[in-house]
């Protein structure tokens, strides 16, 4: 069963689809961000806050997050989140 995680402001993501979580400070990531905007495969999950990390999915979508990469990785790949969701459902 796929693991679904809340990554802030009631935005959920399936962890099996994530290929990379990258910090936005890298110049290559900034170019990748621009390419994603031009190709129309971006999802902005910052809700007006500063972009701190970028998630890349297996479908080629690029998601912008306000959370720092360390916190995102903790949320995405921590087994405690799975237990919380299973108890709520």
PDB file of N, CA and C in Angstrom:
ATOM      1  N   UNK A   1       0.844  -1.180   0.000  1.00  0.00           N
ATOM      2  CA  UNK A   1       0.000   0.000   0.000  1.00  0.00           C
ATOM      3  C   UNK A   1       0.890   1.244   0.000  1.00  0.00           C
ATOM      4  N   UNK A   2       0.586   2.218  -0.860  1.00  0.00           N
ATOM      5  CA  UNK A   2       1.415   3.432  -0.910  1.00  0.00           C
ATOM      6  C   UNK A   2       1.296   4.248   0.377  1.00  0.00           C
ATOM      7  N   UNK A   3       2.378   4.866   0.738  1.00  0.00           N
ATOM      8  CA  UNK A   3       2.418   5.700   1.936  1.00  0.00           C
ATOM      9  C   UNK A   3       2.100   7.138   1.543  1.00  0.00           C
ATOM     10  N   UNK A   4       1.071   7.709   2.162  1.00  0.00           N
ATOM     11  CA  UNK A   4       0.645   9.082   1.891  1.00  0.00           C
ATOM     12  C   UNK A   4       0.997   9.931   3.106  1.00  0.00           C
ATOM     13  N   UNK A   5       1.675  11.066   2.858  1.00  0.00           N
ATOM     14  CA  UNK A   5       2.178  11.897   3.949  1.00  0.00           C
ATOM     15  C   UNK A   5       1.716  13.336   3.760  1.00  0.00           C
ATOM     16  N   UNK A   6       1.316  13.964   4.870  1.00  0.00           N
ATOM     17  CA  UNK A   6       0.967  15.384   4.881  1.00  0.00           C
ATOM     18  C   UNK A   6       2.265  16.181   4.946  1.00  0.00           C
ATOM     19  N   UNK A   7       2.491  17.035   3.941  1.00  0.00           N
ATOM     20  CA  UNK A   7       3.726  17.833   3.925  1.00  0.00           C
ATOM     21  C   UNK A   7       3.455  19.309   4.209  1.00  0.00           C
ATOM     22  N   UNK A   8       2.335  19.601   4.846  1.00  0.00           N
ATOM     23  CA  UNK A   8       2.037  20.962   5.267  1.00  0.00           C
ATOM     24  C   UNK A   8       0.841  21.561   4.569  1.00  0.00           C
ATOM     25  N   UNK A   9       0.048  22.320   5.322  1.00  0.00           N
ATOM     26  CA  UNK A   9      -1.138  23.002   4.808  1.00  0.00           C
ATOM     27  C   UNK A   9      -2.077  22.037   4.077  1.00  0.00           C
ATOM     28  N   UNK A  10      -2.282  20.857   4.650  1.00  0.00           N
ATOM     29  CA  UNK A  10      -3.166  19.831   4.075  1.00  0.00           C
ATOM     30  C   UNK A  10      -2.793  19.459   2.651  1.00  0.00           C
ATOM     31  N   UNK A  11      -1.514  19.439   2.351  1.00  0.00           N
ATOM     32  CA  UNK A  11      -1.005  18.956   1.067  1.00  0.00           C
ATOM     33  C   UNK A  11      -0.412  17.576   1.308  1.00  0.00           C
ATOM     34  N   UNK A  12      -0.881  16.611   0.541  1.00  0.00           N
ATOM     35  CA  UNK A  12      -0.451  15.232   0.727  1.00  0.00           C
ATOM     36  C   UNK A  12       0.306  14.750  -0.493  1.00  0.00           C
ATOM     37  N   UNK A  13       1.240  13.833  -0.267  1.00  0.00           N
ATOM     38  CA  UNK A  13       2.036  13.295  -1.362  1.00  0.00           C
ATOM     39  C   UNK A  13       2.290  11.812  -1.109  1.00  0.00           C
ATOM     40  N   UNK A  14       2.368  11.053  -2.192  1.00  0.00           N
ATOM     41  CA  UNK A  14       2.678   9.628  -2.107  1.00  0.00           C
ATOM     42  C   UNK A  14       4.199   9.484  -2.164  1.00  0.00           C
ATOM     43  N   UNK A  15       4.770   8.916  -1.133  1.00  0.00           N
ATOM     44  CA  UNK A  15       6.233   8.872  -1.025  1.00  0.00           C
ATOM     45  C   UNK A  15       6.883   7.990  -2.089  1.00  0.00           C
ATOM     46  N   UNK A  16       6.177   6.999  -2.591  1.00  0.00           N
ATOM     47  CA  UNK A  16       6.750   6.124  -3.623  1.00  0.00           C
ATOM     48  C   UNK A  16       7.040   6.872  -4.917  1.00  0.00           C
ATOM     49  N   UNK A  17       6.406   8.016  -5.120  1.00  0.00           N
ATOM     50  CA  UNK A  17       6.572   8.776  -6.364  1.00  0.00           C
ATOM     51  C   UNK A  17       7.725   9.770  -6.307  1.00  0.00           C
ATOM     52  N   UNK A  18       8.311   9.990  -5.138  1.00  0.00           N
ATOM     53  CA  UNK A  18       9.381  10.975  -4.969  1.00  0.00           C
ATOM     54  C   UNK A  18      10.723  10.376  -5.392  1.00  0.00           C
ATOM     55  N   UNK A  19      11.404  11.058  -6.306  1.00  0.00           N
ATOM     56  CA  UNK A  19      12.740  10.641  -6.732  1.00  0.00           C
ATOM     57  C   UNK A  19      13.834  11.395  -5.993  1.00  0.00           C
ATOM     58  N   UNK A  20      13.588  12.686  -5.694  1.00  0.00           N
ATOM     59  CA  UNK A  20      14.625  13.498  -5.051  1.00  0.00           C
ATOM     60  C   UNK A  20      14.004  14.636  -4.262  1.00  0.00           C
ATOM     61  N   UNK A  21      14.673  15.011  -3.179  1.00  0.00           N
ATOM     62  CA  UNK A  21      14.352  16.208  -2.400  1.00  0.00           C
ATOM     63  C   UNK A  21      15.630  17.031  -2.381  1.00  0.00           C
ATOM     64  N   UNK A  22      15.565  18.232  -2.960  1.00  0.00           N
ATOM     65  CA  UNK A  22      16.768  19.041  -3.148  1.00  0.00           C
ATOM     66  C   UNK A  22      16.612  20.423  -2.525  1.00  0.00           C
ATOM     67  N   UNK A  23      17.702  20.999  -2.006  1.00  0.00           N
ATOM     68  CA  UNK A  23      17.647  22.380  -1.517  1.00  0.00           C
ATOM     69  C   UNK A  23      17.600  23.346  -2.695  1.00  0.00           C
ATOM     70  N   UNK A  24      16.936  24.463  -2.518  1.00  0.00           N
ATOM     71  CA  UNK A  24      16.747  25.428  -3.606  1.00  0.00           C
ATOM     72  C   UNK A  24      18.005  26.256  -3.861  1.00  0.00           C
ATOM     73  N   UNK A  25      18.956  26.282  -2.938  1.00  0.00           N
ATOM     74  CA  UNK A  25      20.133  27.147  -3.073  1.00  0.00           C
ATOM     75  C   UNK A  25      21.055  26.752  -4.222  1.00  0.00           C
ATOM     76  N   UNK A  26      21.002  25.535  -4.670  1.00  0.00           N
ATOM     77  CA  UNK A  26      21.865  25.025  -5.726  1.00  0.00           C
ATOM     78  C   UNK A  26      21.499  25.660  -7.067  1.00  0.00           C
ATOM     79  N   UNK A  27      22.481  26.083  -7.860  1.00  0.00           N
ATOM     80  CA  UNK A  27      22.202  26.741  -9.143  1.00  0.00           C
ATOM     81  C   UNK A  27      21.568  25.781 -10.148  1.00  0.00           C
ATOM     82  N   UNK A  28      21.931  24.510 -10.084  1.00  0.00           N
ATOM     83  CA  UNK A  28      21.319  23.526 -10.981  1.00  0.00           C
ATOM     84  C   UNK A  28      19.835  23.379 -10.667  1.00  0.00           C
ATOM     85  N   UNK A  29      19.492  23.397  -9.394  1.00  0.00           N
ATOM     86  CA  UNK A  29      18.090  23.288  -8.986  1.00  0.00           C
ATOM     87  C   UNK A  29      17.318  24.518  -9.445  1.00  0.00           C
ATOM     88  N   UNK A  30      17.941  25.679  -9.406  1.00  0.00           N
ATOM     89  CA  UNK A  30      17.272  26.891  -9.883  1.00  0.00           C
ATOM     90  C   UNK A  30      16.972  26.789 -11.375  1.00  0.00           C
ATOM     91  N   UNK A  31      17.909  26.226 -12.143  1.00  0.00           N
ATOM     92  CA  UNK A  31      17.655  26.016 -13.577  1.00  0.00           C
ATOM     93  C   UNK A  31      16.560  24.980 -13.793  1.00  0.00           C
ATOM     94  N   UNK A  32      16.575  23.945 -12.991  1.00  0.00           N
ATOM     95  CA  UNK A  32      15.549  22.911 -13.069  1.00  0.00           C
ATOM     96  C   UNK A  32      14.175  23.495 -12.741  1.00  0.00           C
ATOM     97  N   UNK A  33      14.134  24.378 -11.759  1.00  0.00           N
ATOM     98  CA  UNK A  33      12.896  25.061 -11.386  1.00  0.00           C
ATOM     99  C   UNK A  33      12.374  25.874 -12.563  1.00  0.00           C
ATOM    100  N   UNK A  34      13.240  26.618 -13.215  1.00  0.00           N
ATOM    101  CA  UNK A  34      12.838  27.428 -14.366  1.00  0.00           C
ATOM    102  C   UNK A  34      12.347  26.542 -15.505  1.00  0.00           C
ATOM    103  N   UNK A  35      13.025  25.436 -15.751  1.00  0.00           N
ATOM    104  CA  UNK A  35      12.605  24.498 -16.798  1.00  0.00           C
ATOM    105  C   UNK A  35      11.220  23.923 -16.480  1.00  0.00           C
ATOM    106  N   UNK A  36      10.978  23.602 -15.222  1.00  0.00           N
ATOM    107  CA  UNK A  36       9.671  23.081 -14.819  1.00  0.00           C
ATOM    108  C   UNK A  36       8.563  24.091 -15.024  1.00  0.00           C
ATOM    109  N   UNK A  37       8.847  25.349 -14.738  1.00  0.00           N
ATOM    110  CA  UNK A  37       7.851  26.404 -14.937  1.00  0.00           C
ATOM    111  C   UNK A  37       7.529  26.542 -16.416  1.00  0.00           C
ATOM    112  N   UNK A  38       8.563  26.503 -17.250  1.00  0.00           N
ATOM    113  CA  UNK A  38       8.355  26.633 -18.694  1.00  0.00           C
ATOM    114  C   UNK A  38       7.604  25.440 -19.274  1.00  0.00           C
ATOM    115  N   UNK A  39       7.828  24.245 -18.744  1.00  0.00           N
ATOM    116  CA  UNK A  39       7.173  23.048 -19.272  1.00  0.00           C
ATOM    117  C   UNK A  39       5.778  22.837 -18.690  1.00  0.00           C
ATOM    118  N   UNK A  40       5.417  23.586 -17.664  1.00  0.00           N
ATOM    119  CA  UNK A  40       4.082  23.476 -17.082  1.00  0.00           C
ATOM    120  C   UNK A  40       3.911  22.279 -16.157  1.00  0.00           C
ATOM    121  N   UNK A  41       4.994  21.739 -15.647  1.00  0.00           N
ATOM    122  CA  UNK A  41       4.919  20.579 -14.761  1.00  0.00           C
ATOM    123  C   UNK A  41       5.325  20.946 -13.336  1.00  0.00           C
ATOM    124  N   UNK A  42       4.858  22.079 -12.859  1.00  0.00           N
ATOM    125  CA  UNK A  42       5.208  22.492 -11.507  1.00  0.00           C
ATOM    126  C   UNK A  42       3.977  22.522 -10.619  1.00  0.00           C
ATOM    127  N   UNK A  43       4.216  22.260  -9.349  1.00  0.00           N
ATOM    128  CA  UNK A  43       3.181  22.364  -8.329  1.00  0.00           C
ATOM    129  C   UNK A  43       3.779  23.199  -7.209  1.00  0.00           C
ATOM    130  N   UNK A  44       3.149  24.333  -6.918  1.00  0.00           N
ATOM    131  CA  UNK A  44       3.649  25.231  -5.889  1.00  0.00           C
ATOM    132  C   UNK A  44       2.933  24.927  -4.574  1.00  0.00           C
ATOM    133  N   UNK A  45       3.665  24.401  -3.608  1.00  0.00           N
ATOM    134  CA  UNK A  45       3.112  24.074  -2.299  1.00  0.00           C
ATOM    135  C   UNK A  45       3.647  25.005  -1.217  1.00  0.00           C
ATOM    136  N   UNK A  46       4.086  26.204  -1.616  1.00  0.00           N
ATOM    137  CA  UNK A  46       4.667  27.142  -0.652  1.00  0.00           C
ATOM    138  C   UNK A  46       3.609  27.986   0.038  1.00  0.00           C
ATOM    139  N   UNK A  47       2.459  28.166  -0.580  1.00  0.00           N
ATOM    140  CA  UNK A  47       1.370  28.973  -0.030  1.00  0.00           C
ATOM    141  C   UNK A  47       1.848  30.363   0.363  1.00  0.00           C
ATOM    142  N   UNK A  48       2.634  30.979  -0.531  1.00  0.00           N
ATOM    143  CA  UNK A  48       3.100  32.341  -0.329  1.00  0.00           C
ATOM    144  C   UNK A  48       4.373  32.465   0.479  1.00  0.00           C
ATOM    145  N   UNK A  49       4.860  31.371   1.003  1.00  0.00           N
ATOM    146  CA  UNK A  49       6.109  31.417   1.767  1.00  0.00           C
ATOM    147  C   UNK A  49       7.292  31.228   0.826  1.00  0.00           C
ATOM    148  N   UNK A  50       8.482  31.431   1.352  1.00  0.00           N
ATOM    149  CA  UNK A  50       9.705  31.298   0.563  1.00  0.00           C
ATOM    150  C   UNK A  50       9.960  29.828   0.224  1.00  0.00           C
ATOM    151  N   UNK A  51      10.337  29.562  -1.015  1.00  0.00           N
ATOM    152  CA  UNK A  51      10.663  28.204  -1.438  1.00  0.00           C
ATOM    153  C   UNK A  51      11.994  27.793  -0.824  1.00  0.00           C
ATOM    154  N   UNK A  52      11.999  26.656  -0.128  1.00  0.00           N
ATOM    155  CA  UNK A  52      13.226  26.166   0.504  1.00  0.00           C
ATOM    156  C   UNK A  52      13.703  24.851  -0.084  1.00  0.00           C
ATOM    157  N   UNK A  53      12.778  24.093  -0.686  1.00  0.00           N
ATOM    158  CA  UNK A  53      13.188  22.814  -1.260  1.00  0.00           C
ATOM    159  C   UNK A  53      12.333  22.477  -2.469  1.00  0.00           C
ATOM    160  N   UNK A  54      12.857  21.557  -3.265  1.00  0.00           N
ATOM    161  CA  UNK A  54      12.196  21.114  -4.487  1.00  0.00           C
ATOM    162  C   UNK A  54      12.089  19.596  -4.436  1.00  0.00           C
ATOM    163  N   UNK A  55      10.900  19.085  -4.742  1.00  0.00           N
ATOM    164  CA  UNK A  55      10.690  17.644  -4.837  1.00  0.00           C
ATOM    165  C   UNK A  55      10.532  17.296  -6.306  1.00  0.00           C
ATOM    166  N   UNK A  56      11.195  16.242  -6.734  1.00  0.00           N
ATOM    167  CA  UNK A  56      11.083  15.782  -8.114  1.00  0.00           C
ATOM    168  C   UNK A  56      10.397  14.429  -8.086  1.00  0.00           C
ATOM    169  N   UNK A  57       9.352  14.272  -8.914  1.00  0.00           N
ATOM    170  CA  UNK A  57       8.585  13.031  -8.927  1.00  0.00           C
ATOM    171  C   UNK A  57       8.938  12.185 -10.138  1.00  0.00           C
ATOM    172  N   UNK A  58       8.467  10.946 -10.116  1.00  0.00           N
ATOM    173  CA  UNK A  58       8.740  10.027 -11.219  1.00  0.00           C
ATOM    174  C   UNK A  58       8.007  10.415 -12.495  1.00  0.00           C
ATOM    175  N   UNK A  59       7.004  11.267 -12.402  1.00  0.00           N
ATOM    176  CA  UNK A  59       6.271  11.725 -13.584  1.00  0.00           C
ATOM    177  C   UNK A  59       6.902  12.967 -14.209  1.00  0.00           C
ATOM    178  N   UNK A  60       7.986  13.462 -13.598  1.00  0.00           N
ATOM    179  CA  UNK A  60       8.656  14.646 -14.112  1.00  0.00           C
ATOM    180  C   UNK A  60       8.134  15.944 -13.523  1.00  0.00           C
ATOM    181  N   UNK A  61       7.185  15.867 -12.606  1.00  0.00           N
ATOM    182  CA  UNK A  61       6.672  17.072 -11.958  1.00  0.00           C
ATOM    183  C   UNK A  61       7.674  17.579 -10.931  1.00  0.00           C
ATOM    184  N   UNK A  62       7.694  18.884 -10.774  1.00  0.00           N
ATOM    185  CA  UNK A  62       8.575  19.538  -9.819  1.00  0.00           C
ATOM    186  C   UNK A  62       7.692  20.272  -8.823  1.00  0.00           C
ATOM    187  N   UNK A  63       7.847  19.947  -7.549  1.00  0.00           N
ATOM    188  CA  UNK A  63       7.028  20.548  -6.499  1.00  0.00           C
ATOM    189  C   UNK A  63       7.898  21.434  -5.632  1.00  0.00           C
ATOM    190  N   UNK A  64       7.412  22.647  -5.385  1.00  0.00           N
ATOM    191  CA  UNK A  64       8.123  23.600  -4.545  1.00  0.00           C
ATOM    192  C   UNK A  64       7.525  23.540  -3.151  1.00  0.00           C
ATOM    193  N   UNK A  65       8.381  23.482  -2.140  1.00  0.00           N
ATOM    194  CA  UNK A  65       7.916  23.402  -0.761  1.00  0.00           C
ATOM    195  C   UNK A  65       8.553  24.496   0.083  1.00  0.00           C
ATOM    196  N   UNK A  66       7.818  24.926   1.102  1.00  0.00           N
ATOM    197  CA  UNK A  66       8.335  25.921   2.036  1.00  0.00           C
ATOM    198  C   UNK A  66       9.165  25.266   3.136  1.00  0.00           C
ATOM    199  N   UNK A  67       9.110  23.945   3.252  1.00  0.00           N
ATOM    200  CA  UNK A  67       9.866  23.239   4.283  1.00  0.00           C
ATOM    201  C   UNK A  67      11.316  23.034   3.848  1.00  0.00           C
ATOM    202  N   UNK A  68      12.252  23.087   4.796  1.00  0.00           N
ATOM    203  CA  UNK A  68      13.642  22.788   4.442  1.00  0.00           C
ATOM    204  C   UNK A  68      13.785  21.306   4.076  1.00  0.00           C
ATOM    205  N   UNK A  69      14.763  20.955   3.253  1.00  0.00           N
ATOM    206  CA  UNK A  69      14.911  19.568   2.802  1.00  0.00           C
ATOM    207  C   UNK A  69      15.022  18.551   3.941  1.00  0.00           C
ATOM    208  N   UNK A  70      15.722  18.900   5.013  1.00  0.00           N
ATOM    209  CA  UNK A  70      15.897  17.967   6.125  1.00  0.00           C
ATOM    210  C   UNK A  70      14.556  17.602   6.758  1.00  0.00           C
ATOM    211  N   UNK A  71      13.703  18.601   6.940  1.00  0.00           N
ATOM    212  CA  UNK A  71      12.396  18.358   7.551  1.00  0.00           C
ATOM    213  C   UNK A  71      11.498  17.558   6.605  1.00  0.00           C
ATOM    214  N   UNK A  72      11.559  17.871   5.318  1.00  0.00           N
ATOM    215  CA  UNK A  72      10.772  17.127   4.333  1.00  0.00           C
ATOM    216  C   UNK A  72      11.172  15.658   4.300  1.00  0.00           C
ATOM    217  N   UNK A  73      12.458  15.391   4.288  1.00  0.00           N
ATOM    218  CA  UNK A  73      12.929  14.007   4.267  1.00  0.00           C
ATOM    219  C   UNK A  73      12.460  13.278   5.521  1.00  0.00           C
ATOM    220  N   UNK A  74      12.500  13.955   6.653  1.00  0.00           N
ATOM    221  CA  UNK A  74      12.001  13.357   7.894  1.00  0.00           C
ATOM    222  C   UNK A  74      10.527  13.017   7.814  1.00  0.00           C
ATOM    223  N   UNK A  75       9.733  13.898   7.237  1.00  0.00           N
ATOM    224  CA  UNK A  75       8.294  13.647   7.101  1.00  0.00           C
ATOM    225  C   UNK A  75       8.009  12.545   6.089  1.00  0.00           C
ATOM    226  N   UNK A  76       8.725  12.560   4.983  1.00  0.00           N
ATOM    227  CA  UNK A  76       8.440  11.618   3.902  1.00  0.00           C
ATOM    228  C   UNK A  76       8.856  10.191   4.225  1.00  0.00           C
ATOM    229  N   UNK A  77       9.945  10.030   4.921  1.00  0.00           N
ATOM    230  CA  UNK A  77      10.502   8.692   5.093  1.00  0.00           C
ATOM    231  C   UNK A  77      10.570   8.241   6.543  1.00  0.00           C
ATOM    232  N   UNK A  78       9.670   8.763   7.378  1.00  0.00           N
ATOM    233  CA  UNK A  78       9.593   8.386   8.778  1.00  0.00           C
ATOM    234  C   UNK A  78       8.371   7.498   8.967  1.00  0.00           C
ATOM    235  N   UNK A  79       8.520   6.334   9.576  1.00  0.00           N
ATOM    236  CA  UNK A  79       7.419   5.386   9.743  1.00  0.00           C
ATOM    237  C   UNK A  79       6.342   5.879  10.700  1.00  0.00           C
ATOM    238  N   UNK A  80       6.630   6.854  11.559  1.00  0.00           N
ATOM    239  CA  UNK A  80       5.625   7.359  12.487  1.00  0.00           C
ATOM    240  C   UNK A  80       4.469   8.002  11.739  1.00  0.00           C
ATOM    241  N   UNK A  81       4.732   8.675  10.623  1.00  0.00           N
ATOM    242  CA  UNK A  81       3.667   9.301   9.844  1.00  0.00           C
ATOM    243  C   UNK A  81       2.683   8.263   9.343  1.00  0.00           C
ATOM    244  N   UNK A  82       3.157   7.117   8.923  1.00  0.00           N
ATOM    245  CA  UNK A  82       2.292   6.066   8.411  1.00  0.00           C
ATOM    246  C   UNK A  82       1.346   5.577   9.503  1.00  0.00           C
ATOM    247  N   UNK A  83       1.866   5.430  10.723  1.00  0.00           N
ATOM    248  CA  UNK A  83       1.030   4.983  11.827  1.00  0.00           C
ATOM    249  C   UNK A  83      -0.055   6.001  12.142  1.00  0.00           C
ATOM    250  N   UNK A  84       0.267   7.305  12.101  1.00  0.00           N
ATOM    251  CA  UNK A  84      -0.722   8.349  12.365  1.00  0.00           C
ATOM    252  C   UNK A  84      -1.847   8.308  11.346  1.00  0.00           C
ATOM    253  N   UNK A  85      -1.514   8.199  10.076  1.00  0.00           N
ATOM    254  CA  UNK A  85      -2.525   8.189   9.022  1.00  0.00           C
ATOM    255  C   UNK A  85      -3.395   6.954   9.153  1.00  0.00           C
ATOM    256  N   UNK A  86      -2.812   5.805   9.425  1.00  0.00           N
ATOM    257  CA  UNK A  86      -3.584   4.576   9.559  1.00  0.00           C
ATOM    258  C   UNK A  86      -4.540   4.650  10.735  1.00  0.00           C
ATOM    259  N   UNK A  87      -4.143   5.297  11.830  1.00  0.00           N
ATOM    260  CA  UNK A  87      -5.032   5.435  12.981  1.00  0.00           C
ATOM    261  C   UNK A  87      -6.179   6.394  12.689  1.00  0.00           C
ATOM    262  N   UNK A  88      -5.929   7.438  11.899  1.00  0.00           N
ATOM    263  CA  UNK A  88      -6.967   8.426  11.598  1.00  0.00           C
ATOM    264  C   UNK A  88      -7.995   7.883  10.619  1.00  0.00           C
ATOM    265  N   UNK A  89      -7.611   6.969   9.745  1.00  0.00           N
ATOM    266  CA  UNK A  89      -8.517   6.422   8.727  1.00  0.00           C
ATOM    267  C   UNK A  89      -9.331   5.349   9.306  1.00  0.00           C
TER     268      UNK A  89
END
